[in-house]
Amino acid sequence: MRFAMSTRPAGSASDKISARGGTAVSGSDTLALSLAAACIGLLVCLALWLINIRYRQAYQPNDNDVTALADALLLLPGARWQDWFTQGHTHFFDAYPEWPWGLTPFARPAFQFLIYLAHFLFGQNWTAYLVINYAAIGGVAAAAFAIARRALGLANGPALIATALVVVSPALVRRARSFLRRLRRQLCDRRIRLFVRCRRDRQ
């Protein structure tokens, strides 16, 4: 008993695409989508940089920022880059070396390496390191746009709306609100110090 053999190779790319109900994407379309996603990420990063100008004027690293910078820049005595992998953030919440808490084994070696590379550009301009956060949010926006266009098959308009919804998601908005609260406190502290200084000068 013979079976008819198909001339099309089994499991070809066209079969897989048609089975998924999608369409083939050319190299030029991929390049255009990559450029569009990169532009969106850059615009989001630039917008955050402009929106947070006043915040950066009053910015001072808090305890979490100082810990992240110290671990990534290897400022502690005996610190080595291997600690990014072997220890991670095990001592992140240790206020004093004599009182180790060891609360989290969480590790972010790529993030710490990025901060280490950034110090060659920013040096001790701690405010400039905030651009890493802005770039991360811009990367999330770029990825959201690419997923909306490629995986979900949305047009440019709906894809931009989906990207905007991701950017203003509760996780990012809550982070922005914490920035604003810290900015308000720091501005109040500056005004109080300025008021006290003016009173002393008048006396």
C-alpha atoms as a PDB file:
ATOM      1  CA  MET A   1       0.000   0.000   0.000  1.00  0.00           C
ATOM      2  CA  ARG A   2       1.482   3.273  -1.111  1.00  0.00           C
ATOM      3  CA  PHE A   3       0.985   6.713   0.380  1.00  0.00           C
ATOM      4  CA  ALA A   4       1.176   9.872  -1.707  1.00  0.00           C
ATOM      5  CA  MET A   5       4.214  11.884  -0.816  1.00  0.00           C
ATOM      6  CA  SER A   6       3.889  15.668  -0.680  1.00  0.00           C
ATOM      7  CA  THR A   7       6.471  17.765  -2.496  1.00  0.00           C
ATOM      8  CA  ARG A   8       6.433  20.380   0.274  1.00  0.00           C
ATOM      9  CA  PRO A   9       8.859  19.603   3.089  1.00  0.00           C
ATOM     10  CA  ALA A  10       7.157  18.831   6.373  1.00  0.00           C
ATOM     11  CA  GLY A  11       7.424  21.452   9.030  1.00  0.00           C
ATOM     12  CA  SER A  12       8.407  24.220   6.653  1.00  0.00           C
ATOM     13  CA  ALA A  13       8.378  27.850   7.782  1.00  0.00           C
ATOM     14  CA  SER A  14       5.243  28.613   5.757  1.00  0.00           C
ATOM     15  CA  ASP A  15       3.407  25.710   7.410  1.00  0.00           C
ATOM     16  CA  LYS A  16       4.324  26.917  10.871  1.00  0.00           C
ATOM     17  CA  ILE A  17       3.335  30.474  10.070  1.00  0.00           C
ATOM     18  CA  SER A  18       0.005  29.476   8.525  1.00  0.00           C
ATOM     19  CA  ALA A  19      -0.714  27.126  11.429  1.00  0.00           C
ATOM     20  CA  ARG A  20      -0.260  29.998  13.847  1.00  0.00           C
ATOM     21  CA  GLY A  21      -2.411  32.265  11.762  1.00  0.00           C
ATOM     22  CA  GLY A  22       0.384  34.799  11.318  1.00  0.00           C
ATOM     23  CA  THR A  23       2.229  36.304   8.415  1.00  0.00           C
ATOM     24  CA  ALA A  24       5.841  36.147   7.402  1.00  0.00           C
ATOM     25  CA  VAL A  25       8.009  39.051   8.506  1.00  0.00           C
ATOM     26  CA  SER A  26      10.773  40.236   6.234  1.00  0.00           C
ATOM     27  CA  GLY A  27      14.139  41.490   7.350  1.00  0.00           C
ATOM     28  CA  SER A  28      13.259  45.065   6.443  1.00  0.00           C
ATOM     29  CA  ASP A  29      10.119  44.900   8.597  1.00  0.00           C
ATOM     30  CA  THR A  30      12.170  43.586  11.516  1.00  0.00           C
ATOM     31  CA  LEU A  31      14.669  46.416  11.119  1.00  0.00           C
ATOM     32  CA  ALA A  32      11.874  49.013  10.938  1.00  0.00           C
ATOM     33  CA  LEU A  33      10.222  47.570  14.048  1.00  0.00           C
ATOM     34  CA  SER A  34      13.536  47.551  15.916  1.00  0.00           C
ATOM     35  CA  LEU A  35      14.205  51.177  15.002  1.00  0.00           C
ATOM     36  CA  ALA A  36      10.686  52.226  16.006  1.00  0.00           C
ATOM     37  CA  ALA A  37      10.962  50.416  19.352  1.00  0.00           C
ATOM     38  CA  ALA A  38      14.387  51.964  19.980  1.00  0.00           C
ATOM     39  CA  CYS A  39      13.030  55.453  19.216  1.00  0.00           C
ATOM     40  CA  ILE A  40      10.118  54.942  21.592  1.00  0.00           C
ATOM     41  CA  GLY A  41      12.457  53.781  24.354  1.00  0.00           C
ATOM     42  CA  LEU A  42      14.716  56.776  23.766  1.00  0.00           C
ATOM     43  CA  LEU A  43      11.769  59.186  23.858  1.00  0.00           C
ATOM     44  CA  VAL A  44      10.508  57.718  27.125  1.00  0.00           C
ATOM     45  CA  CYS A  45      13.997  57.968  28.637  1.00  0.00           C
ATOM     46  CA  LEU A  46      14.327  61.579  27.472  1.00  0.00           C
ATOM     47  CA  ALA A  47      10.861  62.455  28.788  1.00  0.00           C
ATOM     48  CA  LEU A  48      11.707  61.048  32.216  1.00  0.00           C
ATOM     49  CA  TRP A  49      14.991  62.992  32.209  1.00  0.00           C
ATOM     50  CA  LEU A  50      13.125  66.246  31.504  1.00  0.00           C
ATOM     51  CA  ILE A  51      10.271  65.552  33.922  1.00  0.00           C
ATOM     52  CA  ASN A  52      12.680  64.832  36.784  1.00  0.00           C
ATOM     53  CA  ILE A  53      14.883  67.906  36.376  1.00  0.00           C
ATOM     54  CA  ARG A  54      13.670  69.452  39.630  1.00  0.00           C
ATOM     55  CA  TYR A  55      13.978  66.140  41.407  1.00  0.00           C
ATOM     56  CA  ARG A  56      17.600  65.748  40.361  1.00  0.00           C
ATOM     57  CA  GLN A  57      18.391  69.243  41.618  1.00  0.00           C
ATOM     58  CA  ALA A  58      17.468  68.143  45.133  1.00  0.00           C
ATOM     59  CA  TYR A  59      18.480  64.498  44.819  1.00  0.00           C
ATOM     60  CA  GLN A  60      20.607  62.886  47.492  1.00  0.00           C
ATOM     61  CA  PRO A  61      21.295  59.124  47.497  1.00  0.00           C
ATOM     62  CA  ASN A  62      19.373  57.367  50.252  1.00  0.00           C
ATOM     63  CA  ASP A  63      20.485  54.264  52.103  1.00  0.00           C
ATOM     64  CA  ASN A  64      19.399  51.866  49.344  1.00  0.00           C
ATOM     65  CA  ASP A  65      21.098  53.958  46.666  1.00  0.00           C
ATOM     66  CA  VAL A  66      24.309  54.170  48.681  1.00  0.00           C
ATOM     67  CA  THR A  67      24.334  50.404  49.179  1.00  0.00           C
ATOM     68  CA  ALA A  68      23.782  49.721  45.479  1.00  0.00           C
ATOM     69  CA  LEU A  69      26.515  52.167  44.487  1.00  0.00           C
ATOM     70  CA  ALA A  70      28.961  50.839  47.070  1.00  0.00           C
ATOM     71  CA  ASP A  71      28.442  47.221  45.992  1.00  0.00           C
ATOM     72  CA  ALA A  72      28.620  47.965  42.279  1.00  0.00           C
ATOM     73  CA  LEU A  73      31.609  50.331  42.488  1.00  0.00           C
ATOM     74  CA  LEU A  74      33.525  47.995  44.831  1.00  0.00           C
ATOM     75  CA  LEU A  75      33.964  50.738  47.426  1.00  0.00           C
ATOM     76  CA  LEU A  76      34.021  48.457  50.452  1.00  0.00           C
ATOM     77  CA  PRO A  77      37.384  47.155  51.706  1.00  0.00           C
ATOM     78  CA  GLY A  78      38.178  43.822  50.140  1.00  0.00           C
ATOM     79  CA  ALA A  79      35.287  44.019  47.667  1.00  0.00           C
ATOM     80  CA  ARG A  80      35.698  42.036  44.459  1.00  0.00           C
ATOM     81  CA  TRP A  81      33.570  41.761  41.338  1.00  0.00           C
ATOM     82  CA  GLN A  82      33.138  38.044  42.042  1.00  0.00           C
ATOM     83  CA  ASP A  83      30.992  39.066  45.017  1.00  0.00           C
ATOM     84  CA  TRP A  84      28.300  40.143  42.557  1.00  0.00           C
ATOM     85  CA  PHE A  85      27.756  36.448  41.829  1.00  0.00           C
ATOM     86  CA  THR A  86      28.705  34.727  45.085  1.00  0.00           C
ATOM     87  CA  GLN A  87      27.128  37.129  47.612  1.00  0.00           C
ATOM     88  CA  GLY A  88      24.748  39.281  45.601  1.00  0.00           C
ATOM     89  CA  HIS A  89      22.642  41.456  47.914  1.00  0.00           C
ATOM     90  CA  THR A  90      23.073  39.235  50.961  1.00  0.00           C
ATOM     91  CA  HIS A  91      24.386  42.226  52.944  1.00  0.00           C
ATOM     92  CA  PHE A  92      22.192  44.824  51.249  1.00  0.00           C
ATOM     93  CA  PHE A  93      20.215  45.620  54.405  1.00  0.00           C
ATOM     94  CA  ASP A  94      23.119  45.347  56.850  1.00  0.00           C
ATOM     95  CA  ALA A  95      23.382  48.715  58.584  1.00  0.00           C
ATOM     96  CA  TYR A  96      26.525  47.633  60.433  1.00  0.00           C
ATOM     97  CA  PRO A  97      28.997  44.868  59.523  1.00  0.00           C
ATOM     98  CA  GLU A  98      28.859  43.664  63.129  1.00  0.00           C
ATOM     99  CA  TRP A  99      25.095  43.049  62.824  1.00  0.00           C
ATOM    100  CA  PRO A 100      24.595  41.043  59.627  1.00  0.00           C
ATOM    101  CA  TRP A 101      20.991  40.409  58.710  1.00  0.00           C
ATOM    102  CA  GLY A 102      21.381  38.328  55.544  1.00  0.00           C
ATOM    103  CA  LEU A 103      17.799  39.032  54.538  1.00  0.00           C
ATOM    104  CA  THR A 104      17.970  38.312  50.818  1.00  0.00           C
ATOM    105  CA  PRO A 105      20.116  36.130  48.525  1.00  0.00           C
ATOM    106  CA  PHE A 106      18.922  38.165  45.538  1.00  0.00           C
ATOM    107  CA  ALA A 107      21.680  38.940  43.018  1.00  0.00           C
ATOM    108  CA  ARG A 108      21.838  41.384  40.109  1.00  0.00           C
ATOM    109  CA  PRO A 109      25.370  41.057  38.668  1.00  0.00           C
ATOM    110  CA  ALA A 110      24.395  42.549  35.284  1.00  0.00           C
ATOM    111  CA  PHE A 111      22.910  45.631  36.948  1.00  0.00           C
ATOM    112  CA  GLN A 112      25.940  46.048  39.190  1.00  0.00           C
ATOM    113  CA  PHE A 113      28.264  45.677  36.209  1.00  0.00           C
ATOM    114  CA  LEU A 114      26.257  48.359  34.395  1.00  0.00           C
ATOM    115  CA  ILE A 115      26.727  50.743  37.332  1.00  0.00           C
ATOM    116  CA  TYR A 116      30.432  49.899  37.377  1.00  0.00           C
ATOM    117  CA  LEU A 117      30.721  50.802  33.688  1.00  0.00           C
ATOM    118  CA  ALA A 118      28.697  53.975  34.212  1.00  0.00           C
ATOM    119  CA  HIS A 119      31.165  55.304  36.771  1.00  0.00           C
ATOM    120  CA  PHE A 120      33.747  55.758  33.994  1.00  0.00           C
ATOM    121  CA  LEU A 121      31.319  58.235  32.443  1.00  0.00           C
ATOM    122  CA  PHE A 122      29.592  59.791  35.473  1.00  0.00           C
ATOM    123  CA  GLY A 123      32.310  59.594  38.122  1.00  0.00           C
ATOM    124  CA  GLN A 124      30.975  61.019  41.405  1.00  0.00           C
ATOM    125  CA  ASN A 125      28.045  62.796  39.778  1.00  0.00           C
ATOM    126  CA  TRP A 126      25.556  60.616  41.646  1.00  0.00           C
ATOM    127  CA  THR A 127      22.554  62.363  40.113  1.00  0.00           C
ATOM    128  CA  ALA A 128      23.574  61.220  36.635  1.00  0.00           C
ATOM    129  CA  TYR A 129      23.276  57.573  37.670  1.00  0.00           C
ATOM    130  CA  LEU A 130      19.502  58.008  37.664  1.00  0.00           C
ATOM    131  CA  VAL A 131      19.656  57.779  33.880  1.00  0.00           C
ATOM    132  CA  ILE A 132      20.052  54.007  34.367  1.00  0.00           C
ATOM    133  CA  ASN A 133      16.536  53.906  35.842  1.00  0.00           C
ATOM    134  CA  TYR A 134      15.196  56.053  33.020  1.00  0.00           C
ATOM    135  CA  ALA A 135      16.841  53.798  30.428  1.00  0.00           C
ATOM    136  CA  ALA A 136      15.344  50.716  32.097  1.00  0.00           C
ATOM    137  CA  ILE A 137      11.835  52.171  31.877  1.00  0.00           C
ATOM    138  CA  GLY A 138      12.514  53.154  28.277  1.00  0.00           C
ATOM    139  CA  GLY A 139      13.590  49.568  27.581  1.00  0.00           C
ATOM    140  CA  VAL A 140      10.319  48.297  29.046  1.00  0.00           C
ATOM    141  CA  ALA A 141       8.410  50.662  26.745  1.00  0.00           C
ATOM    142  CA  ALA A 142      10.417  49.519  23.712  1.00  0.00           C
ATOM    143  CA  ALA A 143       9.815  45.860  24.541  1.00  0.00           C
ATOM    144  CA  ALA A 144       6.089  46.488  25.055  1.00  0.00           C
ATOM    145  CA  PHE A 145       5.802  48.167  21.643  1.00  0.00           C
ATOM    146  CA  ALA A 146       7.702  45.349  19.925  1.00  0.00           C
ATOM    147  CA  ILE A 147       5.531  42.688  21.572  1.00  0.00           C
ATOM    148  CA  ALA A 148       2.340  44.547  20.675  1.00  0.00           C
ATOM    149  CA  ARG A 149       3.379  44.870  17.037  1.00  0.00           C
ATOM    150  CA  ARG A 150       5.017  41.481  16.470  1.00  0.00           C
ATOM    151  CA  ALA A 151       3.357  39.004  18.832  1.00  0.00           C
ATOM    152  CA  LEU A 152      -0.107  40.576  19.119  1.00  0.00           C
ATOM    153  CA  GLY A 153      -0.217  41.908  15.561  1.00  0.00           C
ATOM    154  CA  LEU A 154      -1.539  45.327  16.588  1.00  0.00           C
ATOM    155  CA  ALA A 155      -1.341  48.360  14.353  1.00  0.00           C
ATOM    156  CA  ASN A 156       0.847  51.309  15.297  1.00  0.00           C
ATOM    157  CA  GLY A 157      -1.947  53.218  17.038  1.00  0.00           C
ATOM    158  CA  PRO A 158      -3.147  50.416  19.351  1.00  0.00           C
ATOM    159  CA  ALA A 159       0.473  49.363  19.934  1.00  0.00           C
ATOM    160  CA  LEU A 160       1.334  52.885  21.115  1.00  0.00           C
ATOM    161  CA  ILE A 161      -1.709  52.874  23.417  1.00  0.00           C
ATOM    162  CA  ALA A 162      -0.617  49.517  24.858  1.00  0.00           C
ATOM    163  CA  THR A 163       2.898  50.891  25.340  1.00  0.00           C
ATOM    164  CA  ALA A 164       1.530  53.953  27.149  1.00  0.00           C
ATOM    165  CA  LEU A 165      -0.517  51.700  29.447  1.00  0.00           C
ATOM    166  CA  VAL A 166       2.623  49.710  30.284  1.00  0.00           C
ATOM    167  CA  VAL A 167       4.593  52.883  31.038  1.00  0.00           C
ATOM    168  CA  VAL A 168       1.873  54.168  33.412  1.00  0.00           C
ATOM    169  CA  SER A 169       1.333  50.743  35.006  1.00  0.00           C
ATOM    170  CA  PRO A 170       0.969  50.685  38.805  1.00  0.00           C
ATOM    171  CA  ALA A 171       4.516  49.399  39.341  1.00  0.00           C
ATOM    172  CA  LEU A 172       6.090  52.282  37.436  1.00  0.00           C
ATOM    173  CA  VAL A 173       3.633  54.889  38.724  1.00  0.00           C
ATOM    174  CA  ARG A 174       4.222  53.796  42.312  1.00  0.00           C
ATOM    175  CA  ARG A 175       7.948  54.185  41.755  1.00  0.00           C
ATOM    176  CA  ALA A 176       7.378  57.668  40.342  1.00  0.00           C
ATOM    177  CA  ARG A 177       5.227  58.594  43.344  1.00  0.00           C
ATOM    178  CA  SER A 178       7.971  57.512  45.721  1.00  0.00           C
ATOM    179  CA  PHE A 179      10.375  59.757  43.785  1.00  0.00           C
ATOM    180  CA  LEU A 180       7.965  62.673  44.166  1.00  0.00           C
ATOM    181  CA  ARG A 181       7.561  62.077  47.904  1.00  0.00           C
ATOM    182  CA  ARG A 182      11.317  62.026  48.366  1.00  0.00           C
ATOM    183  CA  LEU A 183      11.620  65.172  46.281  1.00  0.00           C
ATOM    184  CA  ARG A 184       9.006  66.931  48.408  1.00  0.00           C
ATOM    185  CA  ARG A 185      10.819  66.003  51.614  1.00  0.00           C
ATOM    186  CA  GLN A 186      14.183  67.108  50.274  1.00  0.00           C
ATOM    187  CA  LEU A 187      12.764  70.410  49.040  1.00  0.00           C
ATOM    188  CA  CYS A 188      11.173  71.013  52.443  1.00  0.00           C
ATOM    189  CA  ASP A 189      14.491  70.289  54.147  1.00  0.00           C
ATOM    190  CA  ARG A 190      16.243  72.761  51.880  1.00  0.00           C
ATOM    191  CA  ARG A 191      13.655  75.453  52.552  1.00  0.00           C
ATOM    192  CA  ILE A 192      13.970  74.923  56.298  1.00  0.00           C
ATOM    193  CA  ARG A 193      17.764  75.169  56.148  1.00  0.00           C
ATOM    194  CA  LEU A 194      17.496  78.277  53.977  1.00  0.00           C
ATOM    195  CA  PHE A 195      15.006  79.835  56.403  1.00  0.00           C
ATOM    196  CA  VAL A 196      17.273  79.110  59.373  1.00  0.00           C
ATOM    197  CA  ARG A 197      20.256  80.562  57.550  1.00  0.00           C
ATOM    198  CA  CYS A 198      18.334  83.745  56.692  1.00  0.00           C
ATOM    199  CA  ARG A 199      17.267  84.169  60.315  1.00  0.00           C
ATOM    200  CA  ARG A 200      20.856  83.807  61.470  1.00  0.00           C
ATOM    201  CA  ASP A 201      22.059  86.370  58.935  1.00  0.00           C
ATOM    202  CA  ARG A 202      19.444  88.857  60.085  1.00  0.00           C
ATOM    203  CA  GLN A 203      20.499  88.477  63.684  1.00  0.00           C
END
